[in-house]
C-alpha cells in the first residue's frame, strides 16, 4: 500500500527548498509552493513539510 511518506532523499530537498524560500521571501513555504519547487504531488509535499 502506498503512503505519503517522502523517500529518504526528499526530506533534505524539502528542507533546502523551505530554507531557500524563507530567505527569498521572508515567510515560511506552503505545501503548494513546496509541491511546485520539488515537482511532486501535493500529498507528498504536505508530508515532507510536516516533517520539517
Protein backbone atom coordinates (compact mmCIF):
# COMPACT_ATOMS: atom_id res chain seq x y z
CA UNK A 1 0.00 0.00 0.00
CA UNK A 2 1.32 3.44 -0.95
CA UNK A 3 1.70 6.09 1.75
CA UNK A 4 2.59 9.77 1.54
CA UNK A 5 5.93 9.33 3.30
CA UNK A 6 8.75 11.09 1.48
CA UNK A 7 11.56 8.89 0.18
CA UNK A 8 14.85 9.23 2.11
CA UNK A 9 16.26 11.87 -0.28
CA UNK A 10 13.19 14.09 -0.10
CA UNK A 11 13.38 15.47 3.47
CA UNK A 12 16.76 17.05 2.73
CA UNK A 13 15.44 18.51 -0.51
CA UNK A 14 12.34 19.77 1.27
CA UNK A 15 14.44 21.45 3.97
CA UNK A 16 16.68 23.09 1.36
CA UNK A 17 13.69 24.36 -0.61
CA UNK A 18 11.97 25.61 2.55
CA UNK A 19 15.12 27.44 3.67
CA UNK A 20 15.65 28.98 0.22
CA UNK A 21 12.03 30.14 0.08
CA UNK A 22 12.24 31.71 3.53
CA UNK A 23 15.48 33.52 2.60
CA UNK A 24 13.95 34.84 -0.63
CA UNK A 25 10.51 35.80 0.67
CA UNK A 26 10.84 36.17 4.44
CA UNK A 27 7.93 33.79 5.01
CA UNK A 28 7.55 30.04 5.50
CA UNK A 29 6.87 27.92 2.44
CA UNK A 30 3.41 26.40 1.95
CA UNK A 31 2.76 22.84 0.87
CA UNK A 32 1.56 24.09 -2.52
CA UNK A 33 4.74 26.09 -3.05
CA UNK A 34 6.89 23.16 -1.95
CA UNK A 35 4.97 20.94 -4.38
CA UNK A 36 5.86 23.27 -7.23
CA UNK A 37 9.51 23.64 -6.24
CA UNK A 38 10.03 19.90 -5.79
CA UNK A 39 7.84 18.71 -8.66
CA UNK A 40 5.94 16.22 -6.51
CA UNK A 41 2.29 15.57 -5.68
CA UNK A 42 0.63 17.72 -3.02
CA UNK A 43 0.24 14.86 -0.51
CA UNK A 44 3.98 14.16 -0.74
CA UNK A 45 4.84 17.85 -0.35
CA UNK A 46 2.47 18.10 2.62
CA UNK A 47 4.06 15.07 4.28
CA UNK A 48 7.56 16.43 3.70
CA UNK A 49 6.57 19.83 5.09
CA UNK A 50 5.04 18.22 8.18
CA UNK A 51 8.39 16.54 8.90
CA UNK A 52 10.34 19.82 8.84
